[in-house]
Amino acid sequence: MQNKMEKTMSVNQKIQSLIPWILVFLWMFLIFNMSAQPATESNSLSTGVTEKLIELLNKITPGADLNMEQVNHIVRKNAHFFAYLILAILVRNALRKGEIPKGKNLLLAIGICVLYAASDEFHQIFVPGRGPQVKDVFIDSAGAVVGIGIYQLVNKMVKQKSFNKAKL
């Protein structure tokens, strides 16, 4: 009976350790698919988002002179930033339970995100109307660093709260 319980616990632990990595790969797949869109399709999607944003901003600040092309550029670059911010949080979380020391773990998380950003830009060589931009790798990397910073901050706050509860 004991042996069967140990096997069940072991299987459950393995599944629990795989779930964060599955989320990482699903998010990478989403990024890949967005990058695989031809330029016209990608621009159409971001233009739709930009139009809604301009509509909202015009309600908040009537009479604001918003340039569609400039706002669309900002929307597109922010999409890069936030996609990699989320990727970094997912990667950092997946690495959290590993055997790698914390400092190396942080560097590995950043490395994974930067390498994926670079590979994603390379991938765009093969997409109609798109091409690699070093600037986008820097934007993606900045998003990843901020994401890891957010993860670290939230993790520290949760640990501090748990520590304070334990003291009571």
C-alpha atoms as a PDB file:
ATOM      1  CA  MET A   1       0.000   0.000   0.000  1.00  0.00           C
ATOM      2  CA  GLN A   2       2.796   2.396   0.943  1.00  0.00           C
ATOM      3  CA  ASN A   3       4.672   1.754  -2.327  1.00  0.00           C
ATOM      4  CA  LYS A   4       1.554   2.587  -4.397  1.00  0.00           C
ATOM      5  CA  MET A   5       1.102   5.886  -2.500  1.00  0.00           C
ATOM      6  CA  GLU A   6       4.751   6.784  -3.094  1.00  0.00           C
ATOM      7  CA  LYS A   7       4.370   6.132  -6.834  1.00  0.00           C
ATOM      8  CA  THR A   8       1.201   8.240  -6.947  1.00  0.00           C
ATOM      9  CA  MET A   9       2.953  11.089  -5.126  1.00  0.00           C
ATOM     10  CA  SER A  10       5.905  10.791  -7.487  1.00  0.00           C
ATOM     11  CA  VAL A  11       3.642  10.954 -10.566  1.00  0.00           C
ATOM     12  CA  ASN A  12       1.754  13.938  -9.111  1.00  0.00           C
ATOM     13  CA  GLN A  13       5.041  15.726  -8.371  1.00  0.00           C
ATOM     14  CA  LYS A  14       6.273  15.076 -11.913  1.00  0.00           C
ATOM     15  CA  ILE A  15       3.055  16.436 -13.399  1.00  0.00           C
ATOM     16  CA  GLN A  16       3.224  19.497 -11.150  1.00  0.00           C
ATOM     17  CA  SER A  17       6.802  20.165 -12.220  1.00  0.00           C
ATOM     18  CA  LEU A  18       5.858  19.836 -15.917  1.00  0.00           C
ATOM     19  CA  ILE A  19       2.916  22.259 -15.849  1.00  0.00           C
ATOM     20  CA  PRO A  20       5.076  25.428 -15.600  1.00  0.00           C
ATOM     21  CA  TRP A  21       7.183  24.236 -18.564  1.00  0.00           C
ATOM     22  CA  ILE A  22       4.065  23.451 -20.592  1.00  0.00           C
ATOM     23  CA  LEU A  23       2.937  27.045 -19.992  1.00  0.00           C
ATOM     24  CA  VAL A  24       6.360  28.322 -21.132  1.00  0.00           C
ATOM     25  CA  PHE A  25       6.177  26.332 -24.366  1.00  0.00           C
ATOM     26  CA  LEU A  26       2.563  27.341 -25.022  1.00  0.00           C
ATOM     27  CA  TRP A  27       3.544  31.016 -24.634  1.00  0.00           C
ATOM     28  CA  MET A  28       6.564  30.509 -26.915  1.00  0.00           C
ATOM     29  CA  PHE A  29       4.237  28.888 -29.446  1.00  0.00           C
ATOM     30  CA  LEU A  30       1.933  31.925 -29.267  1.00  0.00           C
ATOM     31  CA  ILE A  31       4.882  34.296 -29.836  1.00  0.00           C
ATOM     32  CA  PHE A  32       6.067  32.152 -32.757  1.00  0.00           C
ATOM     33  CA  ASN A  33       2.605  32.183 -34.338  1.00  0.00           C
ATOM     34  CA  MET A  34       2.292  35.950 -33.999  1.00  0.00           C
ATOM     35  CA  SER A  35       5.709  36.343 -35.646  1.00  0.00           C
ATOM     36  CA  ALA A  36       4.739  33.937 -38.410  1.00  0.00           C
ATOM     37  CA  GLN A  37       1.967  36.248 -39.578  1.00  0.00           C
ATOM     38  CA  PRO A  38       2.782  37.986 -42.866  1.00  0.00           C
ATOM     39  CA  ALA A  39       3.355  41.736 -42.466  1.00  0.00           C
ATOM     40  CA  THR A  40      -0.066  42.675 -43.853  1.00  0.00           C
ATOM     41  CA  GLU A  41      -1.890  40.345 -41.441  1.00  0.00           C
ATOM     42  CA  SER A  42       0.215  41.436 -38.470  1.00  0.00           C
ATOM     43  CA  ASN A  43      -0.252  45.119 -39.290  1.00  0.00           C
ATOM     44  CA  SER A  44      -4.006  44.621 -39.688  1.00  0.00           C
ATOM     45  CA  LEU A  45      -4.202  43.090 -36.220  1.00  0.00           C
ATOM     46  CA  SER A  46      -2.160  45.840 -34.561  1.00  0.00           C
ATOM     47  CA  THR A  47      -4.022  48.552 -36.483  1.00  0.00           C
ATOM     48  CA  GLY A  48      -7.305  47.200 -35.114  1.00  0.00           C
ATOM     49  CA  VAL A  49      -5.917  47.387 -31.572  1.00  0.00           C
ATOM     50  CA  THR A  50      -4.547  50.878 -32.261  1.00  0.00           C
ATOM     51  CA  GLU A  51      -7.909  52.129 -33.564  1.00  0.00           C
ATOM     52  CA  LYS A  52      -9.607  50.971 -30.352  1.00  0.00           C
ATOM     53  CA  LEU A  53      -6.874  52.596 -28.271  1.00  0.00           C
ATOM     54  CA  ILE A  54      -7.191  55.905 -30.147  1.00  0.00           C
ATOM     55  CA  GLU A  55     -10.978  55.749 -29.693  1.00  0.00           C
ATOM     56  CA  LEU A  56     -10.472  55.325 -25.943  1.00  0.00           C
ATOM     57  CA  LEU A  57      -7.816  58.041 -25.733  1.00  0.00           C
ATOM     58  CA  ASN A  58     -10.062  60.466 -27.648  1.00  0.00           C
ATOM     59  CA  LYS A  59     -12.795  59.885 -25.056  1.00  0.00           C
ATOM     60  CA  ILE A  60     -10.363  60.546 -22.221  1.00  0.00           C
ATOM     61  CA  THR A  61      -8.611  63.512 -23.865  1.00  0.00           C
ATOM     62  CA  PRO A  62     -10.952  65.001 -26.484  1.00  0.00           C
ATOM     63  CA  GLY A  63      -9.193  66.960 -29.191  1.00  0.00           C
ATOM     64  CA  ALA A  64      -5.877  65.162 -28.750  1.00  0.00           C
ATOM     65  CA  ASP A  65      -4.069  65.025 -32.067  1.00  0.00           C
ATOM     66  CA  LEU A  66      -3.059  61.362 -32.258  1.00  0.00           C
ATOM     67  CA  ASN A  67      -1.119  60.127 -35.263  1.00  0.00           C
ATOM     68  CA  MET A  68      -2.345  56.645 -36.221  1.00  0.00           C
ATOM     69  CA  GLU A  69       1.052  55.546 -37.566  1.00  0.00           C
ATOM     70  CA  GLN A  70       2.953  56.706 -34.472  1.00  0.00           C
ATOM     71  CA  VAL A  71       0.475  55.172 -32.037  1.00  0.00           C
ATOM     72  CA  ASN A  72       0.475  51.920 -34.031  1.00  0.00           C
ATOM     73  CA  HIS A  73       4.279  51.807 -33.822  1.00  0.00           C
ATOM     74  CA  ILE A  74       4.079  52.240 -30.039  1.00  0.00           C
ATOM     75  CA  VAL A  75       1.405  49.523 -29.785  1.00  0.00           C
ATOM     76  CA  ARG A  76       3.551  47.090 -31.813  1.00  0.00           C
ATOM     77  CA  LYS A  77       6.688  47.706 -29.743  1.00  0.00           C
ATOM     78  CA  ASN A  78       4.738  47.406 -26.490  1.00  0.00           C
ATOM     79  CA  ALA A  79       3.383  44.064 -27.701  1.00  0.00           C
ATOM     80  CA  HIS A  80       7.015  42.883 -27.975  1.00  0.00           C
ATOM     81  CA  PHE A  81       7.831  44.184 -24.502  1.00  0.00           C
ATOM     82  CA  PHE A  82       4.813  42.622 -22.780  1.00  0.00           C
ATOM     83  CA  ALA A  83       5.023  39.288 -24.622  1.00  0.00           C
ATOM     84  CA  TYR A  84       8.560  38.806 -23.304  1.00  0.00           C
ATOM     85  CA  LEU A  85       7.695  40.187 -19.862  1.00  0.00           C
ATOM     86  CA  ILE A  86       5.160  37.366 -19.558  1.00  0.00           C
ATOM     87  CA  LEU A  87       7.565  34.820 -21.064  1.00  0.00           C
ATOM     88  CA  ALA A  88      10.208  35.756 -18.487  1.00  0.00           C
ATOM     89  CA  ILE A  89       7.762  35.365 -15.607  1.00  0.00           C
ATOM     90  CA  LEU A  90       6.752  31.934 -16.914  1.00  0.00           C
ATOM     91  CA  VAL A  91      10.382  30.846 -17.449  1.00  0.00           C
ATOM     92  CA  ARG A  92      11.473  32.131 -14.034  1.00  0.00           C
ATOM     93  CA  ASN A  93       8.598  30.271 -12.399  1.00  0.00           C
ATOM     94  CA  ALA A  94       9.429  27.049 -14.267  1.00  0.00           C
ATOM     95  CA  LEU A  95      13.083  27.277 -13.238  1.00  0.00           C
ATOM     96  CA  ARG A  96      12.207  28.054  -9.607  1.00  0.00           C
ATOM     97  CA  LYS A  97      11.965  24.448  -8.439  1.00  0.00           C
ATOM     98  CA  GLY A  98      15.113  23.272 -10.183  1.00  0.00           C
ATOM     99  CA  GLU A  99      18.456  22.463  -8.650  1.00  0.00           C
ATOM    100  CA  ILE A 100      20.171  25.517 -10.155  1.00  0.00           C
ATOM    101  CA  PRO A 101      21.381  28.149  -7.622  1.00  0.00           C
ATOM    102  CA  LYS A 102      19.327  31.366  -7.540  1.00  0.00           C
ATOM    103  CA  GLY A 103      21.890  33.649  -9.248  1.00  0.00           C
ATOM    104  CA  LYS A 104      22.513  31.253 -12.103  1.00  0.00           C
ATOM    105  CA  ASN A 105      18.783  30.619 -12.282  1.00  0.00           C
ATOM    106  CA  LEU A 106      18.140  34.330 -12.937  1.00  0.00           C
ATOM    107  CA  LEU A 107      20.835  34.453 -15.615  1.00  0.00           C
ATOM    108  CA  LEU A 108      19.462  31.298 -17.226  1.00  0.00           C
ATOM    109  CA  ALA A 109      15.948  32.786 -17.321  1.00  0.00           C
ATOM    110  CA  ILE A 110      17.257  35.951 -18.998  1.00  0.00           C
ATOM    111  CA  GLY A 111      19.388  33.870 -21.357  1.00  0.00           C
ATOM    112  CA  ILE A 112      16.448  31.712 -22.425  1.00  0.00           C
ATOM    113  CA  CYS A 113      14.323  34.786 -23.144  1.00  0.00           C
ATOM    114  CA  VAL A 114      17.058  36.670 -25.031  1.00  0.00           C
ATOM    115  CA  LEU A 115      17.938  33.608 -27.130  1.00  0.00           C
ATOM    116  CA  TYR A 116      14.276  33.055 -27.918  1.00  0.00           C
ATOM    117  CA  ALA A 117      13.896  36.721 -28.892  1.00  0.00           C
ATOM    118  CA  ALA A 118      16.896  36.466 -31.220  1.00  0.00           C
ATOM    119  CA  SER A 119      15.635  33.201 -32.747  1.00  0.00           C
ATOM    120  CA  ASP A 120      12.199  34.758 -33.213  1.00  0.00           C
ATOM    121  CA  GLU A 121      13.685  37.687 -35.126  1.00  0.00           C
ATOM    122  CA  PHE A 122      15.721  35.258 -37.250  1.00  0.00           C
ATOM    123  CA  HIS A 123      12.507  33.327 -37.951  1.00  0.00           C
ATOM    124  CA  GLN A 124      10.984  36.503 -39.408  1.00  0.00           C
ATOM    125  CA  ILE A 125      13.492  36.373 -42.306  1.00  0.00           C
ATOM    126  CA  PHE A 126      11.252  33.658 -43.739  1.00  0.00           C
ATOM    127  CA  VAL A 127       7.939  35.502 -43.213  1.00  0.00           C
ATOM    128  CA  PRO A 128       6.574  37.546 -46.150  1.00  0.00           C
ATOM    129  CA  GLY A 129       7.044  41.279 -45.634  1.00  0.00           C
ATOM    130  CA  ARG A 130       8.856  40.857 -42.321  1.00  0.00           C
ATOM    131  CA  GLY A 131      12.477  40.823 -41.325  1.00  0.00           C
ATOM    132  CA  PRO A 132      14.722  40.708 -38.278  1.00  0.00           C
ATOM    133  CA  GLN A 133      15.291  43.845 -36.235  1.00  0.00           C
ATOM    134  CA  VAL A 134      17.997  44.011 -33.587  1.00  0.00           C
ATOM    135  CA  LYS A 135      15.982  46.789 -31.922  1.00  0.00           C
ATOM    136  CA  ASP A 136      13.164  44.300 -31.303  1.00  0.00           C
ATOM    137  CA  VAL A 137      15.553  41.885 -29.569  1.00  0.00           C
ATOM    138  CA  PHE A 138      16.520  44.739 -27.220  1.00  0.00           C
ATOM    139  CA  ILE A 139      12.855  45.582 -26.571  1.00  0.00           C
ATOM    140  CA  ASP A 140      12.065  41.897 -25.945  1.00  0.00           C
ATOM    141  CA  SER A 141      15.082  41.591 -23.630  1.00  0.00           C
ATOM    142  CA  ALA A 142      14.037  44.685 -21.685  1.00  0.00           C
ATOM    143  CA  GLY A 143      10.576  43.173 -21.244  1.00  0.00           C
ATOM    144  CA  ALA A 144      12.171  39.946 -20.005  1.00  0.00           C
ATOM    145  CA  VAL A 145      14.360  41.772 -17.463  1.00  0.00           C
ATOM    146  CA  VAL A 146      11.356  43.735 -16.164  1.00  0.00           C
ATOM    147  CA  GLY A 147       9.312  40.510 -16.005  1.00  0.00           C
ATOM    148  CA  ILE A 148      11.986  38.789 -13.947  1.00  0.00           C
ATOM    149  CA  GLY A 149      12.194  41.844 -11.702  1.00  0.00           C
ATOM    150  CA  ILE A 150       8.428  41.742 -11.165  1.00  0.00           C
ATOM    151  CA  TYR A 151       8.597  38.017 -10.445  1.00  0.00           C
ATOM    152  CA  GLN A 152      11.382  38.532  -7.910  1.00  0.00           C
ATOM    153  CA  LEU A 153       9.551  41.411  -6.214  1.00  0.00           C
ATOM    154  CA  VAL A 154       6.245  39.549  -5.949  1.00  0.00           C
ATOM    155  CA  ASN A 155       8.017  36.403  -4.743  1.00  0.00           C
ATOM    156  CA  LYS A 156       9.835  38.409  -2.062  1.00  0.00           C
ATOM    157  CA  MET A 157       6.579  40.049  -0.931  1.00  0.00           C
ATOM    158  CA  VAL A 158       4.817  36.665  -0.710  1.00  0.00           C
ATOM    159  CA  LYS A 159       7.696  35.188   1.306  1.00  0.00           C
ATOM    160  CA  GLN A 160       7.727  38.214   3.616  1.00  0.00           C
ATOM    161  CA  LYS A 161       3.980  37.941   4.161  1.00  0.00           C
ATOM    162  CA  SER A 162       4.311  34.208   4.905  1.00  0.00           C
ATOM    163  CA  PHE A 163       7.179  34.937   7.295  1.00  0.00           C
ATOM    164  CA  ASN A 164       5.131  37.574   9.118  1.00  0.00           C
ATOM    165  CA  LYS A 165       2.159  35.196   9.439  1.00  0.00           C
ATOM    166  CA  ALA A 166       4.433  32.467  10.817  1.00  0.00           C
ATOM    167  CA  LYS A 167       5.716  34.863  13.502  1.00  0.00           C
ATOM    168  CA  LEU A 168       2.172  35.462  14.759  1.00  0.00           C
END
